[in-house]
Amino acid sequence: PTLIFGAEVARRGAEGLELATPLLLLAGISCGTIALLPFAAGTVLKMNLR
């Protein structure tokens, strides 16, 4: 998704269109990933320590 939305931002910027939507989607995906990553890492560590 990062590559897709990043390419969309570049395309919209070159055409002079609004950049807010793809940038907000990128920010949302990034924030969601940052919020869930510690839980996923903790689960993987618990599985490997058994």
PDB file of N, CA and C in Angstrom:
ATOM      1  N   PRO A   1       0.800  -1.215   0.000  1.00  0.00           N
ATOM      2  CA  PRO A   1       0.000   0.000   0.000  1.00  0.00           C
ATOM      3  C   PRO A   1       0.841   1.278   0.000  1.00  0.00           C
ATOM      4  N   THR A   2       2.001   1.238   0.637  1.00  0.00           N
ATOM      5  CA  THR A   2       2.827   2.443   0.689  1.00  0.00           C
ATOM      6  C   THR A   2       3.276   2.850  -0.704  1.00  0.00           C
ATOM      7  N   LEU A   3       3.694   1.892  -1.491  1.00  0.00           N
ATOM      8  CA  LEU A   3       4.136   2.193  -2.853  1.00  0.00           C
ATOM      9  C   LEU A   3       2.974   2.691  -3.702  1.00  0.00           C
ATOM     10  N   ILE A   4       1.823   2.078  -3.549  1.00  0.00           N
ATOM     11  CA  ILE A   4       0.654   2.472  -4.340  1.00  0.00           C
ATOM     12  C   ILE A   4       0.233   3.896  -4.001  1.00  0.00           C
ATOM     13  N   PHE A   5       0.079   4.180  -2.698  1.00  0.00           N
ATOM     14  CA  PHE A   5      -0.357   5.519  -2.315  1.00  0.00           C
ATOM     15  C   PHE A   5       0.738   6.552  -2.553  1.00  0.00           C
ATOM     16  N   GLY A   6       1.998   6.166  -2.413  1.00  0.00           N
ATOM     17  CA  GLY A   6       3.098   7.076  -2.714  1.00  0.00           C
ATOM     18  C   GLY A   6       3.122   7.452  -4.185  1.00  0.00           C
ATOM     19  N   ALA A   7       2.896   6.475  -5.047  1.00  0.00           N
ATOM     20  CA  ALA A   7       2.831   6.753  -6.480  1.00  0.00           C
ATOM     21  C   ALA A   7       1.627   7.637  -6.804  1.00  0.00           C
ATOM     22  N   GLU A   8       0.533   7.412  -6.099  1.00  0.00           N
ATOM     23  CA  GLU A   8      -0.660   8.240  -6.306  1.00  0.00           C
ATOM     24  C   GLU A   8      -0.403   9.686  -5.889  1.00  0.00           C
ATOM     25  N   VAL A   9       0.317   9.880  -4.793  1.00  0.00           N
ATOM     26  CA  VAL A   9       0.667  11.238  -4.357  1.00  0.00           C
ATOM     27  C   VAL A   9       1.542  11.910  -5.406  1.00  0.00           C
ATOM     28  N   ALA A  10       2.518  11.187  -5.934  1.00  0.00           N
ATOM     29  CA  ALA A  10       3.395  11.759  -6.958  1.00  0.00           C
ATOM     30  C   ALA A  10       2.610  12.109  -8.221  1.00  0.00           C
ATOM     31  N   ARG A  11       1.702  11.229  -8.614  1.00  0.00           N
ATOM     32  CA  ARG A  11       0.902  11.485  -9.814  1.00  0.00           C
ATOM     33  C   ARG A  11       0.007  12.703  -9.616  1.00  0.00           C
ATOM     34  N   ARG A  12      -0.663  12.751  -8.470  1.00  0.00           N
ATOM     35  CA  ARG A  12      -1.547  13.888  -8.197  1.00  0.00           C
ATOM     36  C   ARG A  12      -0.759  15.193  -8.088  1.00  0.00           C
ATOM     37  N   GLY A  13       0.427  15.125  -7.504  1.00  0.00           N
ATOM     38  CA  GLY A  13       1.253  16.322  -7.405  1.00  0.00           C
ATOM     39  C   GLY A  13       1.679  16.828  -8.768  1.00  0.00           C
ATOM     40  N   ALA A  14       2.019  15.907  -9.660  1.00  0.00           N
ATOM     41  CA  ALA A  14       2.427  16.298 -11.006  1.00  0.00           C
ATOM     42  C   ALA A  14       1.267  16.901 -11.787  1.00  0.00           C
ATOM     43  N   GLU A  15       0.048  16.431 -11.498  1.00  0.00           N
ATOM     44  CA  GLU A  15      -1.126  16.941 -12.206  1.00  0.00           C
ATOM     45  C   GLU A  15      -1.747  18.152 -11.522  1.00  0.00           C
ATOM     46  N   GLY A  16      -1.230  18.514 -10.352  1.00  0.00           N
ATOM     47  CA  GLY A  16      -1.759  19.669  -9.638  1.00  0.00           C
ATOM     48  C   GLY A  16      -3.066  19.400  -8.915  1.00  0.00           C
ATOM     49  N   LEU A  17      -3.338  18.153  -8.586  1.00  0.00           N
ATOM     50  CA  LEU A  17      -4.570  17.790  -7.886  1.00  0.00           C
ATOM     51  C   LEU A  17      -4.365  17.791  -6.375  1.00  0.00           C
ATOM     52  N   GLU A  18      -5.453  17.585  -5.649  1.00  0.00           N
ATOM     53  CA  GLU A  18      -5.432  17.545  -4.183  1.00  0.00           C
ATOM     54  C   GLU A  18      -4.645  16.331  -3.695  1.00  0.00           C
ATOM     55  N   LEU A  19      -3.768  16.545  -2.708  1.00  0.00           N
ATOM     56  CA  LEU A  19      -2.906  15.477  -2.194  1.00  0.00           C
ATOM     57  C   LEU A  19      -3.376  14.908  -0.863  1.00  0.00           C
ATOM     58  N   ALA A  20      -4.407  15.493  -0.275  1.00  0.00           N
ATOM     59  CA  ALA A  20      -4.784  15.140   1.098  1.00  0.00           C
ATOM     60  C   ALA A  20      -5.236  13.689   1.239  1.00  0.00           C
ATOM     61  N   THR A  21      -6.043  13.184   0.327  1.00  0.00           N
ATOM     62  CA  THR A  21      -6.609  11.845   0.496  1.00  0.00           C
ATOM     63  C   THR A  21      -5.543  10.759   0.536  1.00  0.00           C
ATOM     64  N   PRO A  22      -4.655  10.651  -0.455  1.00  0.00           N
ATOM     65  CA  PRO A  22      -3.652   9.590  -0.359  1.00  0.00           C
ATOM     66  C   PRO A  22      -2.682   9.784   0.803  1.00  0.00           C
ATOM     67  N   LEU A  23      -2.389  11.041   1.153  1.00  0.00           N
ATOM     68  CA  LEU A  23      -1.501  11.279   2.293  1.00  0.00           C
ATOM     69  C   LEU A  23      -2.162  10.876   3.603  1.00  0.00           C
ATOM     70  N   LEU A  24      -3.461  11.133   3.745  1.00  0.00           N
ATOM     71  CA  LEU A  24      -4.177  10.714   4.949  1.00  0.00           C
ATOM     72  C   LEU A  24      -4.265   9.191   5.037  1.00  0.00           C
ATOM     73  N   LEU A  25      -4.454   8.529   3.911  1.00  0.00           N
ATOM     74  CA  LEU A  25      -4.470   7.063   3.916  1.00  0.00           C
ATOM     75  C   LEU A  25      -3.105   6.508   4.315  1.00  0.00           C
ATOM     76  N   LEU A  26      -2.048   7.099   3.799  1.00  0.00           N
ATOM     77  CA  LEU A  26      -0.699   6.679   4.198  1.00  0.00           C
ATOM     78  C   LEU A  26      -0.472   6.897   5.687  1.00  0.00           C
ATOM     79  N   ALA A  27      -0.907   8.032   6.197  1.00  0.00           N
ATOM     80  CA  ALA A  27      -0.745   8.318   7.622  1.00  0.00           C
ATOM     81  C   ALA A  27      -1.548   7.342   8.470  1.00  0.00           C
ATOM     82  N   GLY A  28      -2.756   7.021   8.044  1.00  0.00           N
ATOM     83  CA  GLY A  28      -3.584   6.070   8.778  1.00  0.00           C
ATOM     84  C   GLY A  28      -2.992   4.678   8.808  1.00  0.00           C
ATOM     85  N   ILE A  29      -2.488   4.230   7.676  1.00  0.00           N
ATOM     86  CA  ILE A  29      -1.854   2.912   7.612  1.00  0.00           C
ATOM     87  C   ILE A  29      -0.610   2.888   8.490  1.00  0.00           C
ATOM     88  N   SER A  30       0.174   3.946   8.438  1.00  0.00           N
ATOM     89  CA  SER A  30       1.391   4.011   9.253  1.00  0.00           C
ATOM     90  C   SER A  30       1.064   4.010  10.742  1.00  0.00           C
ATOM     91  N   CYS A  31       0.082   4.793  11.146  1.00  0.00           N
ATOM     92  CA  CYS A  31      -0.300   4.836  12.571  1.00  0.00           C
ATOM     93  C   CYS A  31      -0.855   3.495  13.036  1.00  0.00           C
ATOM     94  N   GLY A  32      -1.653   2.859  12.202  1.00  0.00           N
ATOM     95  CA  GLY A  32      -2.181   1.542  12.551  1.00  0.00           C
ATOM     96  C   GLY A  32      -1.087   0.511  12.698  1.00  0.00           C
ATOM     97  N   THR A  33      -0.121   0.560  11.816  1.00  0.00           N
ATOM     98  CA  THR A  33       1.001  -0.370  11.883  1.00  0.00           C
ATOM     99  C   THR A  33       1.828  -0.136  13.134  1.00  0.00           C
ATOM    100  N   ILE A  34       2.106   1.117  13.436  1.00  0.00           N
ATOM    101  CA  ILE A  34       2.888   1.443  14.630  1.00  0.00           C
ATOM    102  C   ILE A  34       2.147   1.008  15.893  1.00  0.00           C
ATOM    103  N   ALA A  35       0.822   1.135  15.896  1.00  0.00           N
ATOM    104  CA  ALA A  35       0.040   0.756  17.072  1.00  0.00           C
ATOM    105  C   ALA A  35      -0.007  -0.758  17.265  1.00  0.00           C
ATOM    106  N   LEU A  36      -0.041  -1.527  16.187  1.00  0.00           N
ATOM    107  CA  LEU A  36      -0.191  -2.982  16.286  1.00  0.00           C
ATOM    108  C   LEU A  36       1.130  -3.736  16.336  1.00  0.00           C
ATOM    109  N   LEU A  37       2.209  -3.115  15.915  1.00  0.00           N
ATOM    110  CA  LEU A  37       3.493  -3.806  15.843  1.00  0.00           C
ATOM    111  C   LEU A  37       3.982  -4.348  17.182  1.00  0.00           C
ATOM    112  N   PRO A  38       3.895  -3.623  18.290  1.00  0.00           N
ATOM    113  CA  PRO A  38       4.366  -4.190  19.563  1.00  0.00           C
ATOM    114  C   PRO A  38       3.606  -5.456  19.971  1.00  0.00           C
ATOM    115  N   PHE A  39       2.309  -5.494  19.713  1.00  0.00           N
ATOM    116  CA  PHE A  39       1.522  -6.679  20.058  1.00  0.00           C
ATOM    117  C   PHE A  39       1.916  -7.874  19.194  1.00  0.00           C
ATOM    118  N   ALA A  40       2.143  -7.633  17.913  1.00  0.00           N
ATOM    119  CA  ALA A  40       2.564  -8.712  17.025  1.00  0.00           C
ATOM    120  C   ALA A  40       3.945  -9.222  17.410  1.00  0.00           C
ATOM    121  N   ALA A  41       4.853  -8.322  17.730  1.00  0.00           N
ATOM    122  CA  ALA A  41       6.202  -8.732  18.134  1.00  0.00           C
ATOM    123  C   ALA A  41       6.154  -9.514  19.438  1.00  0.00           C
ATOM    124  N   GLY A  42       5.332  -9.076  20.384  1.00  0.00           N
ATOM    125  CA  GLY A  42       5.197  -9.793  21.647  1.00  0.00           C
ATOM    126  C   GLY A  42       4.650 -11.192  21.456  1.00  0.00           C
ATOM    127  N   THR A  43       3.683 -11.341  20.575  1.00  0.00           N
ATOM    128  CA  THR A  43       3.116 -12.658  20.293  1.00  0.00           C
ATOM    129  C   THR A  43       4.153 -13.577  19.671  1.00  0.00           C
ATOM    130  N   VAL A  44       4.921 -13.065  18.745  1.00  0.00           N
ATOM    131  CA  VAL A  44       5.959 -13.879  18.101  1.00  0.00           C
ATOM    132  C   VAL A  44       7.017 -14.295  19.116  1.00  0.00           C
ATOM    133  N   LEU A  45       7.409 -13.388  19.983  1.00  0.00           N
ATOM    134  CA  LEU A  45       8.402 -13.731  21.007  1.00  0.00           C
ATOM    135  C   LEU A  45       7.868 -14.786  21.968  1.00  0.00           C
ATOM    136  N   LYS A  46       6.614 -14.683  22.365  1.00  0.00           N
ATOM    137  CA  LYS A  46       6.016 -15.690  23.244  1.00  0.00           C
ATOM    138  C   LYS A  46       5.987 -17.060  22.569  1.00  0.00           C
ATOM    139  N   MET A  47       5.674 -17.078  21.285  1.00  0.00           N
ATOM    140  CA  MET A  47       5.616 -18.348  20.553  1.00  0.00           C
ATOM    141  C   MET A  47       7.000 -18.969  20.452  1.00  0.00           C
ATOM    142  N   ASN A  48       8.026 -18.161  20.259  1.00  0.00           N
ATOM    143  CA  ASN A  48       9.380 -18.689  20.100  1.00  0.00           C
ATOM    144  C   ASN A  48      10.016 -19.105  21.419  1.00  0.00           C
ATOM    145  N   LEU A  49       9.529 -18.587  22.542  1.00  0.00           N
ATOM    146  CA  LEU A  49      10.107 -18.939  23.834  1.00  0.00           C
ATOM    147  C   LEU A  49       9.518 -20.226  24.409  1.00  0.00           C
ATOM    148  N   ARG A  50       8.487 -20.755  23.810  1.00  0.00           N
ATOM    149  CA  ARG A  50       7.875 -21.998  24.300  1.00  0.00           C
ATOM    150  C   ARG A  50       8.641 -23.200  23.868  1.00  0.00           C
TER     151      ARG A  50
END
